[in-house]
Each structure stands twice: as C-alpha cells, then as structure tokens.
Protein backbone atom coordinates (compact mmCIF):
# COMPACT_ATOMS: atom_id res chain seq x y z
CA UNK A 1 121.80 91.98 84.66
CA UNK A 2 119.13 94.23 86.54
CA UNK A 3 121.04 97.49 85.68
CA UNK A 4 120.98 96.61 81.86
CA UNK A 5 117.29 95.47 82.20
CA UNK A 6 116.75 98.40 83.53
CA UNK A 7 118.55 100.70 80.99
CA UNK A 8 116.31 98.72 78.36
CA UNK A 9 113.15 99.52 79.96
CA UNK A 10 114.30 103.10 80.04
CA UNK A 11 115.10 103.19 76.65
CA UNK A 12 111.85 101.65 75.34
CA UNK A 13 109.73 103.97 77.44
CA UNK A 14 111.76 106.84 75.70
CA UNK A 15 111.48 105.78 72.64
CA UNK A 16 107.67 105.00 73.10
CA UNK A 17 107.36 108.71 74.12
CA UNK A 18 109.32 109.71 71.34
CA UNK A 19 106.79 108.09 68.88
CA UNK A 20 103.90 108.86 70.64
CA UNK A 21 102.68 111.90 69.57
CA UNK A 22 103.24 113.61 65.99
CA UNK A 23 101.76 116.87 66.82
CA UNK A 24 104.58 118.45 68.84
CA UNK A 25 107.31 117.55 65.73
CA UNK A 26 108.84 120.26 63.89
CA UNK A 27 108.68 118.09 61.05
CA UNK A 28 105.09 117.53 61.27
CA UNK A 29 104.50 121.34 61.28
CA UNK A 30 106.39 122.19 58.58
CA UNK A 31 105.12 119.67 56.46
CA UNK A 32 101.07 120.92 57.60
CA UNK A 33 102.06 124.15 56.57
CA UNK A 34 103.76 123.39 53.36
CA UNK A 35 101.02 120.75 52.20
CA UNK A 36 98.54 123.60 51.30
CA UNK A 37 94.90 122.79 51.27
CA UNK A 38 94.06 119.28 52.65
CA UNK A 39 90.36 119.80 52.78
CA UNK A 40 90.10 119.29 56.26
CA UNK A 41 91.34 122.41 58.71
CA UNK A 42 95.02 122.26 59.90
CA UNK A 43 93.34 122.05 63.33
CA UNK A 44 91.32 119.06 62.53
CA UNK A 45 94.24 117.27 60.63
CA UNK A 46 96.65 117.63 64.07
CA UNK A 47 93.73 116.34 65.94
CA UNK A 48 93.91 113.21 63.78
CA UNK A 49 97.32 113.04 64.30
CA UNK A 50 96.68 113.10 68.09
CA UNK A 51 94.91 109.87 67.77
CA UNK A 52 97.64 108.29 65.90
CA UNK A 53 101.08 106.70 67.29
CA UNK A 54 103.97 105.67 65.00
CA UNK A 55 104.55 102.10 64.06
CA UNK A 56 108.17 101.87 63.80
CA UNK A 57 107.70 97.90 63.07
CA UNK A 58 106.30 98.97 59.52
CA UNK A 59 109.45 100.03 57.89
CA UNK A 60 111.19 96.49 58.01
CA UNK A 61 108.43 95.14 56.52
CA UNK A 62 108.88 97.70 53.41
CA UNK A 63 112.70 96.69 53.57
CA UNK A 64 112.14 92.87 53.47
CA UNK A 65 109.36 93.19 51.05
CA UNK A 66 109.89 89.58 48.97
CA UNK A 67 110.71 90.91 45.85
CA UNK A 68 113.52 92.58 47.52
CA UNK A 69 114.88 89.18 48.76
CA UNK A 70 113.76 86.36 47.29
CA UNK A 71 115.30 84.49 43.83
CA UNK A 72 113.05 84.96 41.14
CA UNK A 73 112.16 81.30 41.77
CA UNK A 74 111.03 81.88 45.34
CA UNK A 75 109.03 85.01 44.11
CA UNK A 76 107.31 82.92 42.10
CA UNK A 77 106.60 79.71 44.69
CA UNK A 78 105.17 82.15 46.60
CA UNK A 79 102.66 84.26 44.25
CA UNK A 80 102.13 82.06 41.14
CA UNK A 81 100.05 79.61 42.58
CA UNK A 82 97.14 77.30 41.41
CA UNK A 83 94.60 78.42 44.33
CA UNK A 84 95.56 82.32 43.00
CA UNK A 85 95.16 81.27 39.25
CA UNK A 86 91.45 79.32 40.41
CA UNK A 87 90.52 82.40 42.21
CA UNK A 88 91.35 84.72 39.03
CA UNK A 89 89.34 82.24 36.71
CA UNK A 90 86.36 82.46 38.87
CA UNK A 91 87.18 86.58 39.32
CA UNK A 92 86.64 86.67 35.80
CA UNK A 93 83.36 84.83 34.94
CA UNK A 94 81.72 86.62 37.98
CA UNK A 95 83.07 89.70 36.54
CA UNK A 96 83.06 89.15 33.05
CA UNK A 97 80.82 92.19 31.50
CA UNK A 98 82.82 94.82 33.22
CA UNK A 99 85.87 93.07 32.60
CA UNK A 100 85.05 92.53 28.88
CA UNK A 101 83.80 96.49 28.34
CA UNK A 102 86.86 97.84 30.28
CA UNK A 103 89.03 95.87 27.98
CA UNK A 104 87.23 97.23 24.81
CA UNK A 105 87.73 100.44 26.14
CA UNK A 106 91.45 100.17 27.13
CA UNK A 107 93.29 97.41 25.12
CA UNK A 108 94.07 95.67 28.90
CA UNK A 109 93.29 91.99 28.71
CA UNK A 110 90.49 91.37 31.49
CA UNK A 111 93.04 88.50 32.64
CA UNK A 112 95.98 90.78 33.35
CA UNK A 113 93.60 93.01 35.31
CA UNK A 114 92.43 89.95 37.42
CA UNK A 115 95.77 88.87 37.73
CA UNK A 116 96.95 92.28 39.62
CA UNK A 117 93.31 92.44 41.46
CA UNK A 118 94.86 88.66 42.83
CA UNK A 119 98.51 89.73 43.85
CA UNK A 120 97.70 92.98 45.43
CA UNK A 121 94.69 91.67 47.28
CA UNK A 122 93.32 88.32 46.85
CA UNK A 123 90.59 89.58 44.72
CA UNK A 124 89.64 91.90 46.90
CA UNK A 125 89.57 89.55 50.18
CA UNK A 126 92.58 91.07 51.81
CA UNK A 127 92.89 94.85 51.29
CA UNK A 128 95.12 95.56 54.17
CA UNK A 129 95.00 95.29 57.97
CA UNK A 130 97.12 98.61 58.83
CA UNK A 131 95.44 101.73 59.71
CA UNK A 132 96.36 103.59 56.72
CA UNK A 133 97.27 107.08 58.75
CA UNK A 134 99.20 105.05 61.12
CA UNK A 135 101.55 103.97 58.44
CA UNK A 136 101.72 106.94 56.34
CA UNK A 137 102.46 109.49 59.05
CA UNK A 138 105.19 106.63 60.69
CA UNK A 139 106.86 106.61 57.16
CA UNK A 140 106.36 110.04 56.41
CA UNK A 141 108.37 111.34 59.73
CA UNK A 142 110.33 108.08 60.65
CA UNK A 143 111.46 106.85 57.42
CA UNK A 144 114.15 109.64 56.08
CA UNK A 145 115.16 107.45 52.78
CA UNK A 146 111.49 107.97 51.50
CA UNK A 147 110.28 111.09 53.75
CA UNK A 148 109.54 113.23 51.02
CA UNK A 149 107.15 110.56 48.91
CA UNK A 150 105.41 109.57 51.70
CA UNK A 151 104.72 112.90 52.58
CA UNK A 152 103.22 113.33 49.60
CA UNK A 153 100.86 110.42 50.45
CA UNK A 154 99.94 111.76 53.44
CA UNK A 155 98.70 115.11 52.29
CA UNK A 156 96.82 113.30 49.58
CA UNK A 157 95.34 110.61 51.84
CA UNK A 158 93.55 113.59 54.04
CA UNK A 159 92.38 115.08 50.63
CA UNK A 160 90.88 111.64 49.81
CA UNK A 161 89.64 111.16 53.22
CA UNK A 162 87.82 114.53 53.00
CA UNK A 163 86.52 114.10 49.43
CA UNK A 164 85.04 110.39 50.13
CA UNK A 165 83.93 111.80 53.87
CA UNK A 166 85.89 109.26 55.39
CA UNK A 167 87.26 109.06 58.75
CA UNK A 168 91.03 109.01 58.52
CA UNK A 169 91.90 107.08 61.91
CA UNK A 170 89.65 104.36 60.69
CA UNK A 171 90.69 103.69 56.74
CA UNK A 172 92.95 100.41 56.58
CA UNK A 173 95.13 99.38 53.72
CA UNK A 174 98.46 97.91 53.31
CA UNK A 175 102.10 98.27 55.17
CA UNK A 176 103.18 101.20 52.48
CA UNK A 177 99.70 103.07 52.65
CA UNK A 178 97.91 101.44 49.48
CA UNK A 179 94.31 100.88 49.33
CA UNK A 180 91.52 99.07 47.60
CA UNK A 181 91.22 95.96 45.60
CA UNK A 182 94.20 97.28 43.63
CA UNK A 183 96.32 98.60 46.33
CA UNK A 184 96.73 102.35 45.53
CA UNK A 185 98.65 104.68 47.09
CA UNK A 186 97.16 108.07 47.43
CA UNK A 187 98.15 109.75 44.62
CA UNK A 188 97.53 107.22 42.38
CA UNK A 189 94.11 107.43 43.71
CA UNK A 190 93.99 110.76 42.69
CA UNK A 191 95.75 110.36 39.42
CA UNK A 192 94.28 107.08 37.91
CA UNK A 193 91.35 105.86 39.67
CA UNK A 194 88.02 106.16 37.64
CA UNK A 195 84.54 105.53 38.18
CA UNK A 196 83.84 102.11 36.90
CA UNK A 197 80.19 101.72 37.73
CA UNK A 198 79.28 105.64 36.41
CA UNK A 199 77.68 106.46 39.66
CA UNK A 200 79.21 109.76 39.76
CA UNK A 201 81.74 108.63 42.56
CA UNK A 202 85.12 106.99 42.32
CA UNK A 203 85.18 104.30 45.28
CA UNK A 204 88.29 101.93 45.41
CA UNK A 205 86.81 100.56 49.14
CA UNK A 206 83.88 98.96 48.15
CA UNK A 207 83.08 99.16 44.46
CA UNK A 208 84.86 96.20 42.18
CA UNK A 209 83.56 98.07 39.19
CA UNK A 210 85.41 101.02 39.83
CA UNK A 211 88.93 98.80 40.89
CA UNK A 212 88.53 96.99 37.67
CA UNK A 213 88.34 100.10 35.76
CA UNK A 214 90.94 101.80 37.64
CA UNK A 215 93.64 99.47 37.30
CA UNK A 216 92.89 99.00 33.46
CA UNK A 217 93.21 102.88 33.38
CA UNK A 218 96.58 102.59 35.13
CA UNK A 219 97.99 100.37 32.73
CA UNK A 220 96.43 102.27 29.89
CA UNK A 221 97.94 105.36 30.81
CA UNK A 222 101.42 103.66 31.11
CA UNK A 223 100.85 103.07 27.49
CA UNK A 224 99.32 99.50 27.20
CA UNK A 225 99.33 98.19 23.33
CA UNK A 226 96.53 95.93 22.92
CA UNK A 227 96.82 92.68 21.46
CA UNK A 228 100.78 92.95 22.31
CA UNK A 229 102.54 90.41 23.90
CA UNK A 230 103.32 90.10 27.65
CA UNK A 231 106.69 88.55 27.67
CA UNK A 232 108.34 86.38 25.32
CA UNK A 233 110.27 83.03 26.36
CA UNK A 234 114.02 83.03 25.41
CA UNK A 235 114.99 79.40 24.17
CA UNK A 236 118.71 80.25 23.94
CA UNK A 237 121.85 81.62 25.01
CA UNK A 238 122.50 85.35 25.75
CA UNK A 239 125.41 87.87 26.41
CA UNK A 240 124.93 88.99 30.22
CA UNK A 241 125.72 92.32 28.74
CA UNK A 242 122.58 92.40 26.83
CA UNK A 243 120.31 92.06 29.95
CA UNK A 244 118.53 95.07 31.24
CA UNK A 245 118.59 95.11 35.08
CA UNK A 246 115.88 97.59 35.40
CA UNK A 247 112.51 97.46 33.48
CA UNK A 248 112.93 99.91 30.41
CA UNK A 249 110.62 101.92 28.23
CA UNK A 250 112.37 102.00 24.94
CA UNK A 251 114.06 98.88 23.78
CA UNK A 252 115.75 97.12 20.98
CA UNK A 253 114.01 96.40 17.58
CA UNK A 254 112.95 92.16 17.40
CA UNK A 255 115.10 92.00 14.18
CA UNK A 256 118.40 93.24 15.97
CA UNK A 257 117.40 90.87 18.83
CA UNK A 258 117.35 87.77 15.87
CA UNK A 259 120.38 89.09 14.36
CA UNK A 260 122.19 88.22 17.89
CA UNK A 261 121.00 84.70 17.72
CA UNK A 262 118.18 85.36 20.24
CA UNK A 263 115.50 82.31 19.60
CA UNK A 264 111.88 82.79 20.66
CA UNK A 265 109.66 80.29 21.82
CA UNK A 266 106.87 81.78 19.60
CA UNK A 267 106.72 83.94 16.24
CA UNK A 268 105.63 87.24 16.66
CA UNK A 269 105.08 90.53 14.94
CA UNK A 270 108.11 93.59 15.39
CA UNK A 271 108.51 95.48 18.23
CA UNK A 272 110.88 96.85 20.40
CA UNK A 273 112.01 94.60 23.56
CA UNK A 274 114.43 94.29 26.31
CA UNK A 275 116.12 91.69 27.96
CA UNK A 276 115.94 90.63 31.26
CA UNK A 277 117.39 87.67 33.45
CA UNK A 278 115.22 86.01 36.11
CA UNK A 279 117.48 84.09 38.86
CA UNK A 280 117.03 80.26 40.14
CA UNK A 281 118.41 78.00 41.94
CA UNK A 282 119.68 76.17 38.51
CA UNK A 283 120.91 79.78 36.92
CA UNK A 284 119.18 82.43 35.30
CA UNK A 285 115.91 82.17 32.98
CA UNK A 286 115.34 85.05 30.17
CA UNK A 287 112.74 86.67 28.82
CA UNK A 288 112.16 89.62 26.37
CA UNK A 289 109.66 92.09 27.55
CA UNK A 290 107.96 95.02 25.61
CA UNK A 291 105.81 98.14 26.25
CA UNK A 292 103.28 95.63 28.06
CA UNK A 293 105.62 94.37 30.28
CA UNK A 294 107.05 98.09 31.25
CA UNK A 295 103.71 99.23 31.76
CA UNK A 296 103.02 95.80 34.40
CA UNK A 297 106.20 97.38 35.71
CA UNK A 298 104.96 101.07 36.64
CA UNK A 299 102.47 99.08 38.71
CA UNK A 300 105.42 98.03 40.70
CA UNK A 301 108.98 98.56 39.52
CA UNK A 302 109.97 95.15 40.36
CA UNK A 303 110.56 92.95 37.69
CA UNK A 304 109.50 89.67 39.77
CA UNK A 305 106.25 91.30 40.17
CA UNK A 306 105.63 91.60 36.42
CA UNK A 307 106.54 88.47 35.61
CA UNK A 308 104.37 87.14 38.17
CA UNK A 309 101.43 88.89 36.94
CA UNK A 310 101.96 87.65 33.26
CA UNK A 311 102.14 83.96 34.61
CA UNK A 312 99.19 84.30 36.80
CA UNK A 313 97.42 85.97 33.83
CA UNK A 314 98.66 83.37 31.35
CA UNK A 315 97.06 80.39 33.94
CA UNK A 316 93.58 82.62 34.25
CA UNK A 317 93.57 83.10 30.13
CA UNK A 318 94.10 79.41 29.81
CA UNK A 319 91.04 77.43 28.81
C-alpha cells in the first residue's frame, strides 16, 4: 500500500512538472514562430507564459458542458428561470435607450440581446473567474482535439491585451477563454465587437453599451432578419426523418411544412424553416426554427442553448 501511494505521489509530481512551464516546449516554440505579430515581443510573450501554469482540470469542464450532457428539459430547468427573466426585464429597463438604438440599427430584438447577456454572464454579474491566459494556454497545448482552434485564440488574446493595454496574466474569463458580458472568445472580439458608446474604444470588459452593441452586431452579421419569428411551436405529429440534428441555415419553405401536415400554434408569414427535436422525459418536443434561430446558434452551436435564449427572451418581452 505504501509503494502504491509513493508511486501515485511520484506520478503527481512528474505531471506537475510537465504542466509547470510552457516556455520549454517545442509545440509552444512552433506556435510562437508561426503566430506572426502578437503585439508583444516574443520575449515578452514567453515571460507571460513563464508565469502561467497549465490547468488540466479545465478540459473536463468543457467536455461536460450541460448542453452536451442533459436532455433539453434538464437544460431548460437549469437556464430558463424566473429569476433570470426578472433580471432580464430589469436589464432592459435600465438600458432601454441603448437597446432601442441598437435594435433600430441592427434589427435584433432587445429581449434577445438581454437573454444572451443573461445566459452568458448573468447580465455582467459573472463574466468569468478563470485566468484567461492559463485557460487558453492549457487548451492550446494540452487539449489535442481542439488545439489548433485554441492556438488561434491564444494568439489573438495576446494581440487583444496589447491593443487594450492589459496584463495578460490578470485577465479573467470563462472556462473556454471567453470574456465580457457577452462572453466573446478572442477571435470573435476581433471580428464582431463594436464601439457601442462612441468613445473611440471597444471595451467588452467595462462598457455595457459596447457589450450590447457587440451582441447585436454578432447576430446581425449572421443574417438576423428583423421582425421574423424566433422559434415556432409545432402542434402536430412529425416524421422523425424530417428532423434536423444540427442547426441549418437553408430550410424548407413553410408551405411545404404545411403540405406535410405540420400545424403551428400561431400563423406567420412565409419563410424557410428546419424542424428540430428537443428531448424531455416524456418524449420529444418539436419546433420550427428559421433564420433568426440559426443566427442564435452561431453564437453557440447548441440547439439547447438557442432555444433557452428564445424562451428567456419571450419571458423578458412579456408584459
């Protein structure tokens, strides 16, 4: 028993040593040489990485994300709460002027913007407790399945910190390295974040207006259609072969769904939709999602997530 315990201790010590430093690793050196201009010099980047230890416990957090493990009904119970909707109403009221302006400019409904902010960060109250550099470095070099993706995020994170005058070792975010009220990963910060308060600076760490405008801009860039439905309830039996397992942009015309015998809970104008199944303890629920539902799934590819956004938004918009 003592030998086993000692062996475990030795393995633990060796593992700690392997994870202790990124700076002596060949894969880190290759990444650094291939990344181009990071703002900081290579020596500065190495100095920041030398202050960073891997966090292997972060990998199971990503693998066990609730949208990957729960039925829709369990996910719904966890995310679509009366308290989140109540806080969303207060958020909309407090930021009414900015939300109305952004909705006018982009066509994205204020309630949808609020719902995303609610799910992502509890309306800015919880923007992440993890050190972003530690998370991104770990996922870049110790998570082979998505290493290339996270190496791009790590490079962009350094560029972001340089441009914003931030210390990379102090920035906090999510378990996936996302930051701000809207939880933008570094490449999304680069590609979709905008200056919502017109101060000449894009700041998702401190500016609520920038976060609101950036969430809306993200959806608008993914072809949000003003005034179109978010998600339609199906009130009839469906053929399993009609169901799309993943979100799709191109859909089936509503007239064809009606010809198949699909009945809806409300009448709408024509459009293209896909049929999605949402698992519960009592069987599947079915919904038709169009362009706007698809746009939400570009924010997070999970169908569960997109429906939760819709249901929270519906609660927020309800008088």
